[in-house]
Amino acid sequence: MATYFFEDYTIGDEVRYGPIAVDEEEMIAFARQWDPQPFHIDAQAAHQSIYGGIIASGWFTCVLAMRELVANYLSPESSLGSPGLDSLQWLAPVRAGDQLWLHCGVVDVRPSRTKSDRGIIKTKIEMSQEGESPVLSMIATNFVLRRGHSR
């Protein structure tokens, strides 16, 4: 992966990553540990739910997005963490076997007012199946090291 510094992010830039396979074993194991609601872990209960079958925890969907962001969008050499999300929406159920795509669009870029070694980027992040409406939407803020600076 190339190293991206603050200066490499420009408002309007868009990138797309995928496909990201939704593995049933991973999905259920995650839910058993972190979100053990019946429609995430129990096939019979899930079948009788409004979802008609097991669906991924929304948090698992976020984990899939984060793994892809770390692998492709945020560089380990320059990523300085995040103060959080402006919004997070789970828009549709995700199921085992789905093939998801991550779309990132830079919506804001500004140098830090208090720390000259970094800048702040805001990214609109969406996950969807090919050609379908998003299943996840969020706006993330990240601190990113400026070129020529070190940690």
C-alpha atoms as a PDB file:
ATOM      1  CA  MET A   1       0.000   0.000   0.000  1.00  0.00           C
ATOM      2  CA  ALA A   2       1.189   3.502  -0.787  1.00  0.00           C
ATOM      3  CA  THR A   3       1.666   5.922   2.094  1.00  0.00           C
ATOM      4  CA  TYR A   4      -0.902   8.715   2.139  1.00  0.00           C
ATOM      5  CA  PHE A   5      -0.252  11.893   4.066  1.00  0.00           C
ATOM      6  CA  PHE A   6      -2.661  14.734   4.792  1.00  0.00           C
ATOM      7  CA  GLU A   7      -1.665  16.507   1.562  1.00  0.00           C
ATOM      8  CA  ASP A   8      -2.727  13.485  -0.506  1.00  0.00           C
ATOM      9  CA  TYR A   9      -6.416  13.823   0.422  1.00  0.00           C
ATOM     10  CA  THR A  10      -8.430  16.311  -1.645  1.00  0.00           C
ATOM     11  CA  ILE A  11     -12.090  17.236  -1.347  1.00  0.00           C
ATOM     12  CA  GLY A  12     -13.980  15.328  -4.010  1.00  0.00           C
ATOM     13  CA  ASP A  13     -11.516  12.422  -4.220  1.00  0.00           C
ATOM     14  CA  GLU A  14     -13.306   9.076  -4.366  1.00  0.00           C
ATOM     15  CA  VAL A  15     -12.024   5.536  -4.057  1.00  0.00           C
ATOM     16  CA  ARG A  16     -13.674   2.142  -4.045  1.00  0.00           C
ATOM     17  CA  TYR A  17     -12.480  -1.117  -2.501  1.00  0.00           C
ATOM     18  CA  GLY A  18     -13.809  -4.635  -2.667  1.00  0.00           C
ATOM     19  CA  PRO A  19     -15.338  -7.020  -2.943  1.00  0.00           C
ATOM     20  CA  ILE A  20     -15.432  -7.782   0.761  1.00  0.00           C
ATOM     21  CA  ALA A  21     -16.856 -11.230   1.441  1.00  0.00           C
ATOM     22  CA  VAL A  22     -19.180 -11.619   4.409  1.00  0.00           C
ATOM     23  CA  ASP A  23     -18.149 -14.885   6.034  1.00  0.00           C
ATOM     24  CA  GLU A  24     -20.904 -16.632   8.006  1.00  0.00           C
ATOM     25  CA  GLU A  25     -18.568 -18.141  10.605  1.00  0.00           C
ATOM     26  CA  GLU A  26     -16.860 -14.785  11.316  1.00  0.00           C
ATOM     27  CA  MET A  27     -20.195 -12.972  11.346  1.00  0.00           C
ATOM     28  CA  ILE A  28     -21.796 -15.300  13.887  1.00  0.00           C
ATOM     29  CA  ALA A  29     -18.654 -15.589  16.050  1.00  0.00           C
ATOM     30  CA  PHE A  30     -18.487 -11.795  16.263  1.00  0.00           C
ATOM     31  CA  ALA A  31     -22.159 -11.586  17.232  1.00  0.00           C
ATOM     32  CA  ARG A  32     -21.829 -14.312  19.866  1.00  0.00           C
ATOM     33  CA  GLN A  33     -19.106 -12.313  21.559  1.00  0.00           C
ATOM     34  CA  TRP A  34     -20.242  -8.719  21.036  1.00  0.00           C
ATOM     35  CA  ASP A  35     -23.901  -8.528  19.936  1.00  0.00           C
ATOM     36  CA  PRO A  36     -25.696 -11.771  20.885  1.00  0.00           C
ATOM     37  CA  GLN A  37     -29.175 -10.830  19.740  1.00  0.00           C
ATOM     38  CA  PRO A  38     -31.128 -13.879  18.477  1.00  0.00           C
ATOM     39  CA  PHE A  39     -31.367 -12.654  14.868  1.00  0.00           C
ATOM     40  CA  HIS A  40     -27.540 -12.521  14.745  1.00  0.00           C
ATOM     41  CA  ILE A  41     -26.764 -15.940  16.260  1.00  0.00           C
ATOM     42  CA  ASP A  42     -29.757 -18.301  16.183  1.00  0.00           C
ATOM     43  CA  ALA A  43     -30.986 -19.515  12.783  1.00  0.00           C
ATOM     44  CA  GLN A  44     -34.428 -20.581  14.031  1.00  0.00           C
ATOM     45  CA  ALA A  45     -35.077 -17.357  15.975  1.00  0.00           C
ATOM     46  CA  ALA A  46     -33.713 -15.303  13.074  1.00  0.00           C
ATOM     47  CA  HIS A  47     -36.030 -17.087  10.625  1.00  0.00           C
ATOM     48  CA  GLN A  48     -38.995 -16.077  12.776  1.00  0.00           C
ATOM     49  CA  SER A  49     -37.770 -12.477  13.090  1.00  0.00           C
ATOM     50  CA  ILE A  50     -38.605  -9.558  10.820  1.00  0.00           C
ATOM     51  CA  TYR A  51     -35.385 -10.386   8.910  1.00  0.00           C
ATOM     52  CA  GLY A  52     -36.367 -13.932   7.907  1.00  0.00           C
ATOM     53  CA  GLY A  53     -32.857 -15.231   8.649  1.00  0.00           C
ATOM     54  CA  ILE A  54     -29.566 -14.452  10.328  1.00  0.00           C
ATOM     55  CA  ILE A  55     -28.170 -10.994   9.655  1.00  0.00           C
ATOM     56  CA  ALA A  56     -24.823  -9.472  10.565  1.00  0.00           C
ATOM     57  CA  SER A  57     -24.528  -7.172  13.526  1.00  0.00           C
ATOM     58  CA  GLY A  58     -24.208  -3.594  12.354  1.00  0.00           C
ATOM     59  CA  TRP A  59     -21.033  -3.438  14.407  1.00  0.00           C
ATOM     60  CA  PHE A  60     -19.625  -6.355  12.408  1.00  0.00           C
ATOM     61  CA  THR A  61     -20.371  -4.422   9.219  1.00  0.00           C
ATOM     62  CA  CYS A  62     -18.410  -1.487  10.712  1.00  0.00           C
ATOM     63  CA  VAL A  63     -15.530  -3.847  11.494  1.00  0.00           C
ATOM     64  CA  LEU A  64     -15.448  -4.997   7.862  1.00  0.00           C
ATOM     65  CA  ALA A  65     -15.344  -1.367   6.740  1.00  0.00           C
ATOM     66  CA  MET A  66     -12.603  -0.514   9.238  1.00  0.00           C
ATOM     67  CA  ARG A  67     -10.445  -3.448   8.137  1.00  0.00           C
ATOM     68  CA  GLU A  68     -10.678  -2.219   4.547  1.00  0.00           C
ATOM     69  CA  LEU A  69      -9.960   1.394   5.532  1.00  0.00           C
ATOM     70  CA  VAL A  70      -6.829   0.377   7.424  1.00  0.00           C
ATOM     71  CA  ALA A  71      -5.656  -1.879   4.591  1.00  0.00           C
ATOM     72  CA  ASN A  72      -6.167   0.657   1.799  1.00  0.00           C
ATOM     73  CA  TYR A  73      -7.179   4.181   2.779  1.00  0.00           C
ATOM     74  CA  LEU A  74      -5.342   5.134   5.976  1.00  0.00           C
ATOM     75  CA  SER A  75      -1.586   4.637   6.023  1.00  0.00           C
ATOM     76  CA  PRO A  76       0.024   3.162   9.138  1.00  0.00           C
ATOM     77  CA  GLU A  77       2.831   5.722   8.814  1.00  0.00           C
ATOM     78  CA  SER A  78       0.496   8.716   8.873  1.00  0.00           C
ATOM     79  CA  SER A  79      -2.797   7.769  10.511  1.00  0.00           C
ATOM     80  CA  LEU A  80      -3.084   9.396  13.931  1.00  0.00           C
ATOM     81  CA  GLY A  81      -6.490   8.067  14.943  1.00  0.00           C
ATOM     82  CA  SER A  82      -9.963   9.502  14.970  1.00  0.00           C
ATOM     83  CA  PRO A  83     -12.091  11.574  17.330  1.00  0.00           C
ATOM     84  CA  GLY A  84     -15.177   9.766  16.051  1.00  0.00           C
ATOM     85  CA  LEU A  85     -18.000   9.696  13.553  1.00  0.00           C
ATOM     86  CA  ASP A  86     -20.431  12.446  12.637  1.00  0.00           C
ATOM     87  CA  SER A  87     -23.047   9.906  11.641  1.00  0.00           C
ATOM     88  CA  LEU A  88     -23.526   6.167  11.411  1.00  0.00           C
ATOM     89  CA  GLN A  89     -26.449   4.438   9.746  1.00  0.00           C
ATOM     90  CA  TRP A  90     -27.189   0.789   9.121  1.00  0.00           C
ATOM     91  CA  LEU A  91     -29.474   1.031   6.120  1.00  0.00           C
ATOM     92  CA  ALA A  92     -30.153  -2.587   5.172  1.00  0.00           C
ATOM     93  CA  PRO A  93     -29.403  -6.058   6.539  1.00  0.00           C
ATOM     94  CA  VAL A  94     -26.110  -7.735   5.667  1.00  0.00           C
ATOM     95  CA  ARG A  95     -26.102 -11.504   5.288  1.00  0.00           C
ATOM     96  CA  ALA A  96     -23.553 -14.279   5.015  1.00  0.00           C
ATOM     97  CA  GLY A  97     -22.322 -14.604   1.455  1.00  0.00           C
ATOM     98  CA  ASP A  98     -22.858 -10.953   0.575  1.00  0.00           C
ATOM     99  CA  GLN A  99     -20.104  -9.317  -1.451  1.00  0.00           C
ATOM    100  CA  LEU A 100     -19.734  -5.718  -0.286  1.00  0.00           C
ATOM    101  CA  TRP A 101     -17.925  -2.745  -1.778  1.00  0.00           C
ATOM    102  CA  LEU A 102     -16.575   0.164   0.235  1.00  0.00           C
ATOM    103  CA  HIS A 103     -16.847   3.633  -1.284  1.00  0.00           C
ATOM    104  CA  CYS A 104     -14.958   6.548   0.306  1.00  0.00           C
ATOM    105  CA  GLY A 105     -15.356  10.181  -0.676  1.00  0.00           C
ATOM    106  CA  VAL A 106     -13.335  12.997   0.882  1.00  0.00           C
ATOM    107  CA  VAL A 107     -15.771  15.706   2.011  1.00  0.00           C
ATOM    108  CA  ASP A 108     -13.503  18.005   4.055  1.00  0.00           C
ATOM    109  CA  VAL A 109      -9.788  18.607   4.466  1.00  0.00           C
ATOM    110  CA  ARG A 110      -8.253  21.168   6.801  1.00  0.00           C
ATOM    111  CA  PRO A 111      -4.989  21.677   8.635  1.00  0.00           C
ATOM    112  CA  SER A 112      -5.157  21.442  12.396  1.00  0.00           C
ATOM    113  CA  ARG A 113      -5.342  24.872  14.021  1.00  0.00           C
ATOM    114  CA  THR A 114      -3.414  23.738  17.084  1.00  0.00           C
ATOM    115  CA  LYS A 115      -0.962  21.093  15.835  1.00  0.00           C
ATOM    116  CA  SER A 116       1.096  21.960  12.771  1.00  0.00           C
ATOM    117  CA  ASP A 117       2.220  18.366  12.159  1.00  0.00           C
ATOM    118  CA  ARG A 118      -1.264  17.142  11.192  1.00  0.00           C
ATOM    119  CA  GLY A 119      -4.460  17.768   9.342  1.00  0.00           C
ATOM    120  CA  ILE A 120      -8.040  16.633   9.659  1.00  0.00           C
ATOM    121  CA  ILE A 121      -9.951  14.818   6.942  1.00  0.00           C
ATOM    122  CA  LYS A 122     -13.626  13.915   6.814  1.00  0.00           C
ATOM    123  CA  THR A 123     -14.696  11.007   4.670  1.00  0.00           C
ATOM    124  CA  LYS A 124     -18.153   9.828   3.676  1.00  0.00           C
ATOM    125  CA  ILE A 125     -18.022   6.055   3.776  1.00  0.00           C
ATOM    126  CA  GLU A 126     -20.633   3.762   2.283  1.00  0.00           C
ATOM    127  CA  MET A 127     -20.795  -0.012   1.926  1.00  0.00           C
ATOM    128  CA  SER A 128     -23.077  -1.682  -0.558  1.00  0.00           C
ATOM    129  CA  GLN A 129     -23.524  -4.720  -2.706  1.00  0.00           C
ATOM    130  CA  GLU A 130     -22.594  -4.189  -6.345  1.00  0.00           C
ATOM    131  CA  GLY A 131     -25.167  -1.900  -7.960  1.00  0.00           C
ATOM    132  CA  GLU A 132     -27.405  -1.756  -4.897  1.00  0.00           C
ATOM    133  CA  SER A 133     -28.282   0.830  -2.280  1.00  0.00           C
ATOM    134  CA  PRO A 134     -25.891   1.240   0.662  1.00  0.00           C
ATOM    135  CA  VAL A 135     -26.151  -1.062   3.674  1.00  0.00           C
ATOM    136  CA  LEU A 136     -23.900   1.218   5.766  1.00  0.00           C
ATOM    137  CA  SER A 137     -23.245   4.950   5.696  1.00  0.00           C
ATOM    138  CA  MET A 138     -21.015   6.984   7.973  1.00  0.00           C
ATOM    139  CA  ILE A 139     -18.960  10.148   8.030  1.00  0.00           C
ATOM    140  CA  ALA A 140     -15.600   9.659   9.714  1.00  0.00           C
ATOM    141  CA  THR A 141     -13.080  12.219  10.922  1.00  0.00           C
ATOM    142  CA  ASN A 142      -9.400  11.266  10.931  1.00  0.00           C
ATOM    143  CA  PHE A 143      -6.209  12.940  12.060  1.00  0.00           C
ATOM    144  CA  VAL A 144      -3.492  12.473   9.437  1.00  0.00           C
ATOM    145  CA  LEU A 145       0.201  13.356   9.663  1.00  0.00           C
ATOM    146  CA  ARG A 146       1.452  16.029   7.264  1.00  0.00           C
ATOM    147  CA  ARG A 147       4.224  15.128   4.826  1.00  0.00           C
ATOM    148  CA  GLY A 148       7.689  15.825   6.235  1.00  0.00           C
ATOM    149  CA  HIS A 149       6.640  15.310   9.849  1.00  0.00           C
ATOM    150  CA  SER A 150       7.195  12.276  12.027  1.00  0.00           C
ATOM    151  CA  ARG A 151       5.286  10.907  14.966  1.00  0.00           C
END
